[in-house]
C-alpha atoms as a PDB file:
ATOM      1  CA  UNK A   1     153.574   5.348 162.182  1.00  0.00           C
ATOM      2  CA  UNK A   2     155.677   8.886 163.129  1.00  0.00           C
ATOM      3  CA  UNK A   3     155.604  10.789 159.883  1.00  0.00           C
ATOM      4  CA  UNK A   4     157.131  14.133 158.948  1.00  0.00           C
ATOM      5  CA  UNK A   5     155.942  16.656 156.217  1.00  0.00           C
ATOM      6  CA  UNK A   6     157.703  19.370 155.508  1.00  0.00           C
ATOM      7  CA  UNK A   7     155.029  21.494 154.462  1.00  0.00           C
ATOM      8  CA  UNK A   8     151.985  19.893 154.621  1.00  0.00           C
ATOM      9  CA  UNK A   9     149.419  22.798 154.492  1.00  0.00           C
ATOM     10  CA  UNK A  10     149.372  23.552 150.702  1.00  0.00           C
ATOM     11  CA  UNK A  11     147.024  23.181 147.875  1.00  0.00           C
ATOM     12  CA  UNK A  12     148.205  19.352 147.314  1.00  0.00           C
ATOM     13  CA  UNK A  13     149.389  18.266 150.859  1.00  0.00           C
ATOM     14  CA  UNK A  14     146.621  19.729 152.997  1.00  0.00           C
ATOM     15  CA  UNK A  15     144.094  16.694 152.276  1.00  0.00           C
ATOM     16  CA  UNK A  16     147.094  14.301 152.452  1.00  0.00           C
ATOM     17  CA  UNK A  17     147.442  15.737 155.861  1.00  0.00           C
ATOM     18  CA  UNK A  18     144.185  15.383 156.983  1.00  0.00           C
ATOM     19  CA  UNK A  19     143.655  12.015 155.661  1.00  0.00           C
ATOM     20  CA  UNK A  20     146.969  10.802 157.630  1.00  0.00           C
ATOM     21  CA  UNK A  21     145.299  12.194 160.842  1.00  0.00           C
ATOM     22  CA  UNK A  22     142.066   9.982 159.622  1.00  0.00           C
ATOM     23  CA  UNK A  23     144.167   7.052 159.318  1.00  0.00           C
ATOM     24  CA  UNK A  24     145.748   7.367 163.147  1.00  0.00           C
ATOM     25  CA  UNK A  25     149.475   8.321 161.668  1.00  0.00           C
ATOM     26  CA  UNK A  26     151.363  10.267 164.118  1.00  0.00           C
ATOM     27  CA  UNK A  27     151.928  13.337 161.910  1.00  0.00           C
ATOM     28  CA  UNK A  28     154.220  16.425 162.168  1.00  0.00           C
ATOM     29  CA  UNK A  29     154.187  19.452 159.990  1.00  0.00           C
ATOM     30  CA  UNK A  30     157.384  21.174 159.853  1.00  0.00           C
ATOM     31  CA  UNK A  31     156.770  24.960 158.334  1.00  0.00           C
ATOM     32  CA  UNK A  32     157.085  28.865 159.334  1.00  0.00           C
ATOM     33  CA  UNK A  33     153.332  28.738 160.833  1.00  0.00           C
ATOM     34  CA  UNK A  34     152.467  31.351 158.252  1.00  0.00           C
ATOM     35  CA  UNK A  35     149.434  29.625 156.905  1.00  0.00           C
ATOM     36  CA  UNK A  36     146.208  29.606 158.441  1.00  0.00           C
ATOM     37  CA  UNK A  37     145.188  25.929 157.875  1.00  0.00           C
ATOM     38  CA  UNK A  38     143.910  23.944 160.700  1.00  0.00           C
ATOM     39  CA  UNK A  39     144.795  20.360 160.824  1.00  0.00           C
ATOM     40  CA  UNK A  40     143.395  18.906 164.219  1.00  0.00           C
ATOM     41  CA  UNK A  41     145.754  16.038 165.528  1.00  0.00           C
ATOM     42  CA  UNK A  42     148.642  17.055 163.903  1.00  0.00           C
ATOM     43  CA  UNK A  43     152.069  18.250 165.774  1.00  0.00           C
ATOM     44  CA  UNK A  44     153.305  21.279 164.380  1.00  0.00           C
ATOM     45  CA  UNK A  45     157.305  21.961 164.343  1.00  0.00           C
ATOM     46  CA  UNK A  46     157.761  25.928 163.690  1.00  0.00           C
ATOM     47  CA  UNK A  47     161.060  26.434 161.789  1.00  0.00           C
ATOM     48  CA  UNK A  48     162.881  28.037 158.938  1.00  0.00           C
ATOM     49  CA  UNK A  49     163.523  25.117 156.269  1.00  0.00           C
ATOM     50  CA  UNK A  50     166.217  27.160 154.838  1.00  0.00           C
ATOM     51  CA  UNK A  51     168.444  27.380 158.257  1.00  0.00           C
ATOM     52  CA  UNK A  52     169.911  24.031 158.407  1.00  0.00           C
ATOM     53  CA  UNK A  53     171.562  24.686 161.707  1.00  0.00           C
ATOM     54  CA  UNK A  54     168.091  25.725 163.076  1.00  0.00           C
ATOM     55  CA  UNK A  55     166.764  22.331 161.569  1.00  0.00           C
ATOM     56  CA  UNK A  56     169.225  20.260 163.062  1.00  0.00           C
ATOM     57  CA  UNK A  57     168.557  21.794 166.215  1.00  0.00           C
ATOM     58  CA  UNK A  58     164.747  21.461 166.211  1.00  0.00           C
ATOM     59  CA  UNK A  59     164.823  17.717 164.784  1.00  0.00           C
ATOM     60  CA  UNK A  60     167.936  16.304 166.975  1.00  0.00           C
ATOM     61  CA  UNK A  61     165.731  14.125 169.003  1.00  0.00           C
ATOM     62  CA  UNK A  62     163.362  12.856 166.393  1.00  0.00           C
ATOM     63  CA  UNK A  63     163.771   9.737 164.146  1.00  0.00           C
ATOM     64  CA  UNK A  64     161.082   9.130 161.354  1.00  0.00           C
ATOM     65  CA  UNK A  65     159.364   6.380 160.061  1.00  0.00           C
ATOM     66  CA  UNK A  66     158.577   8.692 156.957  1.00  0.00           C
ATOM     67  CA  UNK A  67     159.538  12.219 155.777  1.00  0.00           C
ATOM     68  CA  UNK A  68     157.744  13.609 152.873  1.00  0.00           C
ATOM     69  CA  UNK A  69     159.255  16.857 151.543  1.00  0.00           C
ATOM     70  CA  UNK A  70     156.523  18.755 149.566  1.00  0.00           C
ATOM     71  CA  UNK A  71     158.560  22.107 148.896  1.00  0.00           C
ATOM     72  CA  UNK A  72     162.052  20.717 147.600  1.00  0.00           C
ATOM     73  CA  UNK A  73     162.422  22.295 144.402  1.00  0.00           C
ATOM     74  CA  UNK A  74     166.360  22.431 143.688  1.00  0.00           C
ATOM     75  CA  UNK A  75     169.379  20.034 144.302  1.00  0.00           C
ATOM     76  CA  UNK A  76     170.258  22.289 147.176  1.00  0.00           C
ATOM     77  CA  UNK A  77     167.105  21.239 148.970  1.00  0.00           C
ATOM     78  CA  UNK A  78     168.152  17.435 148.204  1.00  0.00           C
ATOM     79  CA  UNK A  79     171.648  18.064 149.739  1.00  0.00           C
ATOM     80  CA  UNK A  80     170.114  19.592 152.764  1.00  0.00           C
ATOM     81  CA  UNK A  81     167.492  16.857 153.229  1.00  0.00           C
ATOM     82  CA  UNK A  82     170.211  14.071 152.630  1.00  0.00           C
ATOM     83  CA  UNK A  83     172.272  15.929 155.716  1.00  0.00           C
ATOM     84  CA  UNK A  84     169.125  16.166 157.865  1.00  0.00           C
ATOM     85  CA  UNK A  85     167.561  12.636 157.296  1.00  0.00           C
ATOM     86  CA  UNK A  86     170.099  10.229 156.084  1.00  0.00           C
ATOM     87  CA  UNK A  87     170.111   7.535 158.680  1.00  0.00           C
ATOM     88  CA  UNK A  88     167.092   9.051 160.547  1.00  0.00           C
ATOM     89  CA  UNK A  89     164.340   7.832 158.370  1.00  0.00           C
ATOM     90  CA  UNK A  90     162.995   4.452 156.884  1.00  0.00           C
ATOM     91  CA  UNK A  91     161.557   6.249 153.886  1.00  0.00           C
ATOM     92  CA  UNK A  92     162.084   9.593 152.208  1.00  0.00           C
ATOM     93  CA  UNK A  93     159.813  10.980 149.668  1.00  0.00           C
ATOM     94  CA  UNK A  94     160.379  13.563 147.291  1.00  0.00           C
ATOM     95  CA  UNK A  95     157.415  15.318 145.240  1.00  0.00           C
ATOM     96  CA  UNK A  96     158.456  15.912 142.049  1.00  0.00           C
ATOM     97  CA  UNK A  97     156.237  16.594 138.614  1.00  0.00           C
ATOM     98  CA  UNK A  98     154.771  15.095 135.699  1.00  0.00           C
ATOM     99  CA  UNK A  99     155.923  18.151 133.912  1.00  0.00           C
ATOM    100  CA  UNK A 100     159.505  16.583 133.857  1.00  0.00           C
ATOM    101  CA  UNK A 101     158.434  14.026 131.057  1.00  0.00           C
ATOM    102  CA  UNK A 102     159.988  14.686 127.677  1.00  0.00           C
ATOM    103  CA  UNK A 103     158.228  17.877 125.870  1.00  0.00           C
ATOM    104  CA  UNK A 104     157.246  17.647 123.226  1.00  0.00           C
ATOM    105  CA  UNK A 105     156.086  13.820 123.916  1.00  0.00           C
ATOM    106  CA  UNK A 106     156.851  11.150 121.046  1.00  0.00           C
ATOM    107  CA  UNK A 107     154.145   9.098 122.467  1.00  0.00           C
ATOM    108  CA  UNK A 108     151.014  10.049 124.168  1.00  0.00           C
ATOM    109  CA  UNK A 109     150.524   7.653 127.021  1.00  0.00           C
ATOM    110  CA  UNK A 110     153.012   8.853 129.357  1.00  0.00           C
ATOM    111  CA  UNK A 111     154.624   5.956 132.398  1.00  0.00           C
ATOM    112  CA  UNK A 112     157.067   6.430 135.116  1.00  0.00           C
ATOM    113  CA  UNK A 113     159.758   5.045 132.165  1.00  0.00           C
ATOM    114  CA  UNK A 114     158.881   7.825 129.716  1.00  0.00           C
ATOM    115  CA  UNK A 115     162.018   9.902 129.145  1.00  0.00           C
ATOM    116  CA  UNK A 116     162.573  13.071 131.314  1.00  0.00           C
ATOM    117  CA  UNK A 117     163.487  15.765 129.105  1.00  0.00           C
ATOM    118  CA  UNK A 118     162.042  19.564 129.328  1.00  0.00           C
ATOM    119  CA  UNK A 119     163.867  22.468 127.402  1.00  0.00           C
ATOM    120  CA  UNK A 120     161.328  24.812 128.081  1.00  0.00           C
ATOM    121  CA  UNK A 121     160.842  25.044 131.676  1.00  0.00           C
ATOM    122  CA  UNK A 122     163.861  25.293 134.302  1.00  0.00           C
ATOM    123  CA  UNK A 123     161.431  24.484 137.241  1.00  0.00           C
ATOM    124  CA  UNK A 124     161.154  20.856 135.612  1.00  0.00           C
ATOM    125  CA  UNK A 125     164.572  20.815 134.915  1.00  0.00           C
ATOM    126  CA  UNK A 126     165.321  21.311 138.733  1.00  0.00           C
ATOM    127  CA  UNK A 127     162.951  18.811 139.627  1.00  0.00           C
ATOM    128  CA  UNK A 128     164.884  16.294 136.987  1.00  0.00           C
ATOM    129  CA  UNK A 129     168.229  17.214 138.672  1.00  0.00           C
ATOM    130  CA  UNK A 130     166.666  16.342 142.053  1.00  0.00           C
ATOM    131  CA  UNK A 131     165.504  13.133 140.970  1.00  0.00           C
ATOM    132  CA  UNK A 132     168.858  12.466 139.642  1.00  0.00           C
ATOM    133  CA  UNK A 133     170.783  13.326 142.930  1.00  0.00           C
ATOM    134  CA  UNK A 134     168.288  11.063 144.913  1.00  0.00           C
ATOM    135  CA  UNK A 135     168.988   8.031 142.802  1.00  0.00           C
ATOM    136  CA  UNK A 136     172.808   8.855 143.337  1.00  0.00           C
ATOM    137  CA  UNK A 137     172.172   8.888 147.155  1.00  0.00           C
ATOM    138  CA  UNK A 138     169.939   5.804 146.863  1.00  0.00           C
ATOM    139  CA  UNK A 139     172.517   3.879 144.807  1.00  0.00           C
ATOM    140  CA  UNK A 140     175.373   4.808 146.740  1.00  0.00           C
ATOM    141  CA  UNK A 141     174.465   5.309 150.409  1.00  0.00           C
ATOM    142  CA  UNK A 142     171.319   3.619 150.725  1.00  0.00           C
ATOM    143  CA  UNK A 143     169.168   6.451 151.406  1.00  0.00           C
ATOM    144  CA  UNK A 144     165.583   4.977 151.181  1.00  0.00           C
ATOM    145  CA  UNK A 145     164.085   7.313 148.867  1.00  0.00           C
ATOM    146  CA  UNK A 146     160.537   7.085 146.725  1.00  0.00           C
ATOM    147  CA  UNK A 147     159.585   9.491 144.205  1.00  0.00           C
ATOM    148  CA  UNK A 148     156.168  10.999 143.440  1.00  0.00           C
ATOM    149  CA  UNK A 149     154.887  12.645 140.317  1.00  0.00           C
ATOM    150  CA  UNK A 150     151.838  14.440 140.521  1.00  0.00           C
ATOM    151  CA  UNK A 151     150.512  16.240 137.493  1.00  0.00           C
ATOM    152  CA  UNK A 152     147.991  19.187 137.807  1.00  0.00           C
ATOM    153  CA  UNK A 153     146.398  18.615 141.075  1.00  0.00           C
ATOM    154  CA  UNK A 154     143.987  21.304 142.511  1.00  0.00           C
ATOM    155  CA  UNK A 155     141.914  21.992 145.366  1.00  0.00           C
ATOM    156  CA  UNK A 156     142.466  25.577 146.637  1.00  0.00           C
ATOM    157  CA  UNK A 157     143.770  26.543 143.267  1.00  0.00           C
ATOM    158  CA  UNK A 158     141.723  27.095 139.955  1.00  0.00           C
ATOM    159  CA  UNK A 159     143.349  24.917 137.304  1.00  0.00           C
ATOM    160  CA  UNK A 160     143.546  26.818 134.257  1.00  0.00           C
ATOM    161  CA  UNK A 161     146.308  28.146 132.356  1.00  0.00           C
ATOM    162  CA  UNK A 162     145.655  32.039 132.230  1.00  0.00           C
ATOM    163  CA  UNK A 163     143.990  33.999 134.951  1.00  0.00           C
ATOM    164  CA  UNK A 164     143.484  31.433 137.615  1.00  0.00           C
ATOM    165  CA  UNK A 165     145.555  29.377 140.007  1.00  0.00           C
ATOM    166  CA  UNK A 166     145.530  31.511 143.210  1.00  0.00           C
ATOM    167  CA  UNK A 167     143.596  34.334 141.239  1.00  0.00           C
ATOM    168  CA  UNK A 168     139.725  34.619 140.874  1.00  0.00           C
ATOM    169  CA  UNK A 169     140.576  36.786 137.871  1.00  0.00           C
ATOM    170  CA  UNK A 170     139.157  34.550 135.178  1.00  0.00           C
ATOM    171  CA  UNK A 171     135.959  33.772 137.245  1.00  0.00           C
ATOM    172  CA  UNK A 172     135.321  37.639 137.644  1.00  0.00           C
ATOM    173  CA  UNK A 173     135.502  38.013 133.546  1.00  0.00           C
ATOM    174  CA  UNK A 174     133.518  35.036 133.147  1.00  0.00           C
ATOM    175  CA  UNK A 175     130.572  36.370 135.425  1.00  0.00           C
ATOM    176  CA  UNK A 176     130.860  39.611 133.409  1.00  0.00           C
ATOM    177  CA  UNK A 177     130.817  37.517 130.188  1.00  0.00           C
ATOM    178  CA  UNK A 178     134.232  39.148 129.052  1.00  0.00           C
ATOM    179  CA  UNK A 179     136.279  37.387 126.888  1.00  0.00           C
ATOM    180  CA  UNK A 180     138.745  34.512 128.346  1.00  0.00           C
ATOM    181  CA  UNK A 181     141.694  32.932 126.661  1.00  0.00           C
ATOM    182  CA  UNK A 182     142.103  29.529 125.851  1.00  0.00           C
ATOM    183  CA  UNK A 183     145.799  28.115 124.621  1.00  0.00           C
ATOM    184  CA  UNK A 184     145.561  26.665 121.295  1.00  0.00           C
ATOM    185  CA  UNK A 185     142.258  25.318 119.597  1.00  0.00           C
ATOM    186  CA  UNK A 186     141.359  23.676 123.225  1.00  0.00           C
ATOM    187  CA  UNK A 187     140.967  20.066 121.737  1.00  0.00           C
ATOM    188  CA  UNK A 188     144.354  18.656 123.480  1.00  0.00           C
ATOM    189  CA  UNK A 189     143.852  16.274 126.473  1.00  0.00           C
ATOM    190  CA  UNK A 190     144.661  17.218 129.797  1.00  0.00           C
ATOM    191  CA  UNK A 191     144.361  15.385 133.303  1.00  0.00           C
ATOM    192  CA  UNK A 192     143.326  17.070 136.586  1.00  0.00           C
ATOM    193  CA  UNK A 193     143.308  15.357 140.065  1.00  0.00           C
ATOM    194  CA  UNK A 194     141.519  16.791 143.247  1.00  0.00           C
ATOM    195  CA  UNK A 195     143.939  16.903 146.117  1.00  0.00           C
ATOM    196  CA  UNK A 196     141.538  14.752 148.018  1.00  0.00           C
ATOM    197  CA  UNK A 197     141.931  11.696 145.312  1.00  0.00           C
ATOM    198  CA  UNK A 198     145.785  12.106 145.316  1.00  0.00           C
ATOM    199  CA  UNK A 199     146.069  11.963 148.870  1.00  0.00           C
ATOM    200  CA  UNK A 200     144.567   8.435 148.768  1.00  0.00           C
ATOM    201  CA  UNK A 201     147.808   7.332 146.880  1.00  0.00           C
ATOM    202  CA  UNK A 202     150.022   9.184 148.575  1.00  0.00           C
ATOM    203  CA  UNK A 203     149.328   8.194 152.067  1.00  0.00           C
ATOM    204  CA  UNK A 204     149.042   4.385 150.429  1.00  0.00           C
ATOM    205  CA  UNK A 205     152.782   4.604 150.105  1.00  0.00           C
ATOM    206  CA  UNK A 206     153.785   5.847 153.458  1.00  0.00           C
ATOM    207  CA  UNK A 207     156.133   3.133 154.890  1.00  0.00           C
ATOM    208  CA  UNK A 208     155.554   0.985 152.037  1.00  0.00           C
ATOM    209  CA  UNK A 209     158.535  -1.085 152.247  1.00  0.00           C
ATOM    210  CA  UNK A 210     158.315  -2.260 148.535  1.00  0.00           C
ATOM    211  CA  UNK A 211     158.209   1.315 147.410  1.00  0.00           C
ATOM    212  CA  UNK A 212     161.784   2.345 148.176  1.00  0.00           C
ATOM    213  CA  UNK A 213     163.583   2.950 145.016  1.00  0.00           C
ATOM    214  CA  UNK A 214     160.530   3.428 142.794  1.00  0.00           C
ATOM    215  CA  UNK A 215     159.024   6.238 141.090  1.00  0.00           C
ATOM    216  CA  UNK A 216     155.019   6.898 140.866  1.00  0.00           C
ATOM    217  CA  UNK A 217     153.018   9.307 138.997  1.00  0.00           C
ATOM    218  CA  UNK A 218     149.682   9.745 140.849  1.00  0.00           C
ATOM    219  CA  UNK A 219     146.869  11.352 138.815  1.00  0.00           C
ATOM    220  CA  UNK A 220     143.117  10.953 138.030  1.00  0.00           C
ATOM    221  CA  UNK A 221     142.153   8.904 134.779  1.00  0.00           C
ATOM    222  CA  UNK A 222     139.682  11.608 133.858  1.00  0.00           C
ATOM    223  CA  UNK A 223     140.828  12.989 130.557  1.00  0.00           C
ATOM    224  CA  UNK A 224     139.343  16.252 129.283  1.00  0.00           C
ATOM    225  CA  UNK A 225     139.992  18.592 126.508  1.00  0.00           C
ATOM    226  CA  UNK A 226     140.708  22.252 127.500  1.00  0.00           C
ATOM    227  CA  UNK A 227     137.564  23.497 125.755  1.00  0.00           C
ATOM    228  CA  UNK A 228     135.769  21.050 128.230  1.00  0.00           C
ATOM    229  CA  UNK A 229     138.001  22.170 131.274  1.00  0.00           C
ATOM    230  CA  UNK A 230     136.898  25.743 130.632  1.00  0.00           C
ATOM    231  CA  UNK A 231     133.244  24.940 130.179  1.00  0.00           C
ATOM    232  CA  UNK A 232     133.308  23.087 133.470  1.00  0.00           C
ATOM    233  CA  UNK A 233     134.940  26.156 135.254  1.00  0.00           C
ATOM    234  CA  UNK A 234     132.068  28.623 133.649  1.00  0.00           C
ATOM    235  CA  UNK A 235     129.623  26.199 134.652  1.00  0.00           C
ATOM    236  CA  UNK A 236     130.822  26.285 138.019  1.00  0.00           C
ATOM    237  CA  UNK A 237     130.735  29.873 137.950  1.00  0.00           C
ATOM    238  CA  UNK A 238     127.189  30.015 136.164  1.00  0.00           C
ATOM    239  CA  UNK A 239     128.508  31.772 133.309  1.00  0.00           C
ATOM    240  CA  UNK A 240     128.795  30.816 129.751  1.00  0.00           C
ATOM    241  CA  UNK A 241     132.203  30.646 128.308  1.00  0.00           C
ATOM    242  CA  UNK A 242     133.396  33.674 125.905  1.00  0.00           C
ATOM    243  CA  UNK A 243     136.602  32.207 124.466  1.00  0.00           C
ATOM    244  CA  UNK A 244     138.992  33.413 122.191  1.00  0.00           C
ATOM    245  CA  UNK A 245     141.503  30.407 121.221  1.00  0.00           C
ATOM    246  CA  UNK A 246     144.952  31.662 120.792  1.00  0.00           C
ATOM    247  CA  UNK A 247     148.041  29.818 119.707  1.00  0.00           C
ATOM    248  CA  UNK A 248     150.482  28.763 122.512  1.00  0.00           C
ATOM    249  CA  UNK A 249     153.545  29.988 120.576  1.00  0.00           C
ATOM    250  CA  UNK A 250     151.513  33.502 120.027  1.00  0.00           C
ATOM    251  CA  UNK A 251     151.207  33.763 123.804  1.00  0.00           C
ATOM    252  CA  UNK A 252     154.606  32.573 124.628  1.00  0.00           C
ATOM    253  CA  UNK A 253     156.024  35.154 122.149  1.00  0.00           C
ATOM    254  CA  UNK A 254     154.564  37.955 123.697  1.00  0.00           C
ATOM    255  CA  UNK A 255     154.697  36.963 127.111  1.00  0.00           C
ATOM    256  CA  UNK A 256     157.588  34.680 127.710  1.00  0.00           C
ATOM    257  CA  UNK A 257     156.963  33.595 131.327  1.00  0.00           C
ATOM    258  CA  UNK A 258     154.372  31.494 129.869  1.00  0.00           C
ATOM    259  CA  UNK A 259     157.019  29.520 128.001  1.00  0.00           C
ATOM    260  CA  UNK A 260     157.440  26.883 130.552  1.00  0.00           C
ATOM    261  CA  UNK A 261     153.718  26.652 131.524  1.00  0.00           C
ATOM    262  CA  UNK A 262     152.434  26.124 127.749  1.00  0.00           C
ATOM    263  CA  UNK A 263     155.178  24.933 125.897  1.00  0.00           C
ATOM    264  CA  UNK A 264     156.789  23.088 128.467  1.00  0.00           C
ATOM    265  CA  UNK A 265     153.705  21.073 129.560  1.00  0.00           C
ATOM    266  CA  UNK A 266     149.654  22.592 129.118  1.00  0.00           C
ATOM    267  CA  UNK A 267     149.706  22.835 125.300  1.00  0.00           C
ATOM    268  CA  UNK A 268     150.529  19.011 124.998  1.00  0.00           C
ATOM    269  CA  UNK A 269     148.015  16.301 124.862  1.00  0.00           C
ATOM    270  CA  UNK A 270     149.317  13.632 127.500  1.00  0.00           C
ATOM    271  CA  UNK A 271     147.375  10.363 128.736  1.00  0.00           C
ATOM    272  CA  UNK A 272     148.868   9.041 132.214  1.00  0.00           C
ATOM    273  CA  UNK A 273     148.762   5.469 132.585  1.00  0.00           C
ATOM    274  CA  UNK A 274     148.604   4.644 136.481  1.00  0.00           C
ATOM    275  CA  UNK A 275     148.796   1.055 136.475  1.00  0.00           C
ATOM    276  CA  UNK A 276     152.061   1.140 138.862  1.00  0.00           C
ATOM    277  CA  UNK A 277     150.497   3.377 141.427  1.00  0.00           C
ATOM    278  CA  UNK A 278     147.460   1.023 141.436  1.00  0.00           C
ATOM    279  CA  UNK A 279     149.490  -2.253 141.653  1.00  0.00           C
ATOM    280  CA  UNK A 280     151.363  -0.703 144.915  1.00  0.00           C
ATOM    281  CA  UNK A 281     148.401   0.727 146.338  1.00  0.00           C
ATOM    282  CA  UNK A 282     145.119  -1.103 145.244  1.00  0.00           C
ATOM    283  CA  UNK A 283     142.678   1.087 147.004  1.00  0.00           C
ATOM    284  CA  UNK A 284     143.712   3.878 145.163  1.00  0.00           C
ATOM    285  CA  UNK A 285     140.860   5.158 142.653  1.00  0.00           C
ATOM    286  CA  UNK A 286     140.308   9.016 141.526  1.00  0.00           C
ATOM    287  CA  UNK A 287     136.309   9.385 142.196  1.00  0.00           C
ATOM    288  CA  UNK A 288     135.716  13.253 142.038  1.00  0.00           C
ATOM    289  CA  UNK A 289     135.362  14.434 138.611  1.00  0.00           C
ATOM    290  CA  UNK A 290     136.540  17.867 137.653  1.00  0.00           C
ATOM    291  CA  UNK A 291     132.899  19.124 137.251  1.00  0.00           C
ATOM    292  CA  UNK A 292     132.080  18.349 140.904  1.00  0.00           C
ATOM    293  CA  UNK A 293     135.667  19.365 142.168  1.00  0.00           C
ATOM    294  CA  UNK A 294     135.776  22.699 140.494  1.00  0.00           C
ATOM    295  CA  UNK A 295     132.292  23.609 141.958  1.00  0.00           C
ATOM    296  CA  UNK A 296     133.937  22.759 145.286  1.00  0.00           C
ATOM    297  CA  UNK A 297     137.093  24.872 144.356  1.00  0.00           C
ATOM    298  CA  UNK A 298     134.792  27.827 143.703  1.00  0.00           C
ATOM    299  CA  UNK A 299     132.893  27.684 146.710  1.00  0.00           C
ATOM    300  CA  UNK A 300     135.952  27.509 149.027  1.00  0.00           C
ATOM    301  CA  UNK A 301     137.023  30.991 147.220  1.00  0.00           C
ATOM    302  CA  UNK A 302     133.495  32.420 147.627  1.00  0.00           C
ATOM    303  CA  UNK A 303     133.341  31.611 151.322  1.00  0.00           C
ATOM    304  CA  UNK A 304     135.879  34.224 151.683  1.00  0.00           C
ATOM    305  CA  UNK A 305     135.765  37.565 150.141  1.00  0.00           C
ATOM    306  CA  UNK A 306     139.798  38.094 150.656  1.00  0.00           C
ATOM    307  CA  UNK A 307     140.615  34.841 148.568  1.00  0.00           C
ATOM    308  CA  UNK A 308     138.709  36.167 145.560  1.00  0.00           C
ATOM    309  CA  UNK A 309     142.006  38.167 144.101  1.00  0.00           C
ATOM    310  CA  UNK A 310     141.199  39.666 140.761  1.00  0.00           C
ATOM    311  CA  UNK A 311     144.501  41.003 139.617  1.00  0.00           C
ATOM    312  CA  UNK A 312     144.304  44.074 137.445  1.00  0.00           C
ATOM    313  CA  UNK A 313     147.796  43.101 135.688  1.00  0.00           C
ATOM    314  CA  UNK A 314     146.192  39.750 134.698  1.00  0.00           C
ATOM    315  CA  UNK A 315     143.470  41.474 133.030  1.00  0.00           C
ATOM    316  CA  UNK A 316     145.567  43.898 131.309  1.00  0.00           C
ATOM    317  CA  UNK A 317     147.557  40.836 129.731  1.00  0.00           C
ATOM    318  CA  UNK A 318     144.753  38.976 128.842  1.00  0.00           C
ATOM    319  CA  UNK A 319     143.213  42.099 127.155  1.00  0.00           C
ATOM    320  CA  UNK A 320     146.528  43.043 125.389  1.00  0.00           C
ATOM    321  CA  UNK A 321     146.932  39.440 124.200  1.00  0.00           C
ATOM    322  CA  UNK A 322     143.161  38.831 122.734  1.00  0.00           C
ATOM    323  CA  UNK A 323     143.484  42.499 121.167  1.00  0.00           C
ATOM    324  CA  UNK A 324     146.619  41.757 119.570  1.00  0.00           C
ATOM    325  CA  UNK A 325     145.405  38.151 118.354  1.00  0.00           C
ATOM    326  CA  UNK A 326     142.214  39.434 117.302  1.00  0.00           C
ATOM    327  CA  UNK A 327     143.720  42.533 115.288  1.00  0.00           C
ATOM    328  CA  UNK A 328     146.310  40.039 113.474  1.00  0.00           C
ATOM    329  CA  UNK A 329     144.185  36.999 112.662  1.00  0.00           C
ATOM    330  CA  UNK A 330     140.555  38.098 112.494  1.00  0.00           C
END
């Protein structure tokens, strides 16, 4: 099976790329060659994905069993992929996002049929528009789409709401005994999925004839409160959690860049029903609990001091939020 990944070396996609090679898939990675991620066995196509003329030249002698775009975020990306791959691939997989589901949810159990509506986050609205355009291409042009909706997936990122992701800031604060922020009261339910678990389902969909035209969410079945998530992070850091619980609206009012991340996503309890992906890919089961996965993530950060980024602006923002909140409510 000849597969093209547009991207393929990021936080989610690297594990999928490696599993493809293990399974004997003929994998090509299309990227700019900037990421220092080694995936032995994969072939690399170097090019600027934003330049369609360059892409047509690079891809002109290829046809594909599967194309997966890991870095499509707007309808212009979908329009470009349709121009590049219509008639050139047997399956096109779009990586969407579980953040597109109705916010606030009217029912806590999320399935692929949960309404799509996120008035808080432009990122999510863009993904919804991409899905709508792809479905139009499928209905009108038989473009062989499969849509995948991952939720909060991690490997080389620290999956907390404030002070993490590509930063080491929250770990540094924890190790120093400084206060950290947990949004809300910390009791809402959330699901974190390790990229290696996600990869099992994603690879199972590659070339899956019956998946054409379908949508799949892929997450772990482990549900944790945000308090439990932060406690697991603190334990992995060898520290105690010194948390200040701050209402998400308070945070978003002072720092509007958190409106999407919190009000449009992480401040709501969600329970993902993974029945559909398990029906299509019966071997899929998530086996890495967050308490184990986060230790692996921190080990990856600490293996290279250059990854341990402590952002002074993030520290300043967190201190400001904590001081203002405690001044007004304590």
